[in-house]
Amino acid sequence: MKFINTFFVAVTLMGVVACAPEQGAVITKRGAGFELRIDGEPTFIKGVGGTNRLEVASSASANACRTWGGNIESVKRTSALAAENGMRVMQGISLPKDGEKYVDEEWKAKTLEQCRELATTFKDDPNIFCWGIGNEVQLSGANGAAVWGFIEELAVAIKEIAPRQLVSTVISHDKSALDSIARYAPSLDVVGINSYGPILEVKDMVAESDYEGPYMITEWGPTGWWETDKTTWEASIEQTSEEKRQVYESRYNGAVLGDERCIGSFVFLWGQKEERTPTWFSMFVEREVEGLPLDGEKTPMVEAMQRVWSGTEPTQTAPVVTGIKIDGKAPVESPTVEAGKAFKVDVAATDREQENLTYIWEVLHEATVLGFGGSYEPRPERYGEVFTTTAPTAEIKISEAGNYRVYAYVKDGTGYVSTVNSPVQVK
């Protein structure tokens, strides 16, 4: 456990003794749980993954952002951006998932020196409250003394230089990694856990592990593509944006707020990325994609986080999209169509504020160039042209056999876009 060394300057003014506030981040035990204080203020992390649209995050009552790595110049930019929006930063330090690296003494020495340089540069930065050493480094099986012992070495070095900041590492949903951290990396102040579908099991997993400290849920969001139902040709079925909104709210209330040992979370992804689809983990839609009339609008998941962070009902909400069917078949029914023959797509959508809705339609080839552990994936190739309707239905024809995905983007003109898609096989 970490206790920041603080000092108090007592001055007497009109008979009253005043004390300077604590500086930096400190975690203390509180009953069965833990409390984080930053500069003396009790703080529960309401964080976002990434640095996109921090002004929107701040206005929705978020107070922190997380990055996955960066050099000195990029960290300076992140810190300045966070300061502009009243946010704290969990600054990532990127490490490889290749276990062989952790027995390479030359690489280790270079990495240690880079970490010391970062810590020295930013040890007094009031915006950085925590360093995140590595992200899911155990995914490729690197889960032994060499890996965690080196992370312990980095943690000790950073803490010696920057005692006002916390030091952590981030793992996937993995009890064995927690056990290894307890054994090999006891100097870590807090552990970050990334969890999607089984997020409600995090509390029990932590309790059953050898790790006894606090944790944050550092990535969470919709059910992952590896956890969902699939079509008969193994295409993962993505939740509608309304289904995502519901699970974001229920998972936050049930998991993030459900354990006294949890000191907060970072929702994923407060931005847009391609991972199996352009929409799977994206809390904002794309922008500046040729031929696609979208401009980075908010999705219903942003609405969800504003609701749970602030405890109040948003004045404006997103369109409610509850389903999509191709020739009457839902995605779980593995819709197939004939090449060159038109098929009908129907979307079920409403709007709470009775705004007029616009439907944008796009067909992409199913993704085949796939990443690992969240690494880069290119946007799949588009088939045909994007088109727009004012009705929730479209007629589409695909002439070439193969696996595709039909996307519908539903706009209400208020800054929100809701999403839904369905895989379709063309024979």
Foldseek 3Di string as FASTA:
>chain_A
DADFDFDWDWDADPNDTDTQFGAFWDWDDDVLAIFIDHSRHTAFALAAEDLPPLLLVLVLQGAEYEYADDAPVVVVVSLVSSVVSNHAYAYEHADALDLVCLVVVVSLVVSLVRLLVNLQVCLPRSRYAEYEYHAASCPVPNQAQSVLLSLLVSLVSSCVRRVRHFYEYEHELDQSNLQSCVVRRVSHQEYEYAYEPVLLCSQVSCVPHPHSAAYEPAEYFYHDQVGAAAAPVRQGFAAWLLVRLVCLQVSCVRHQVPDSSYRYYHYFHDAFADAQARPRRGQWHDDPDPQFPGHRFGEQNSQSSSCVSVVDHDPAGAKRWHAKDKQRHGQNHAAEEEAQDKIKMFTDIDGPVRFQKKKKKWKFAGFDQHDPPPDHGDHGHTDDHIDMDSHRMDIDHHHDFHKMKMKIWMDRPPRYIIIGMHIYTYD
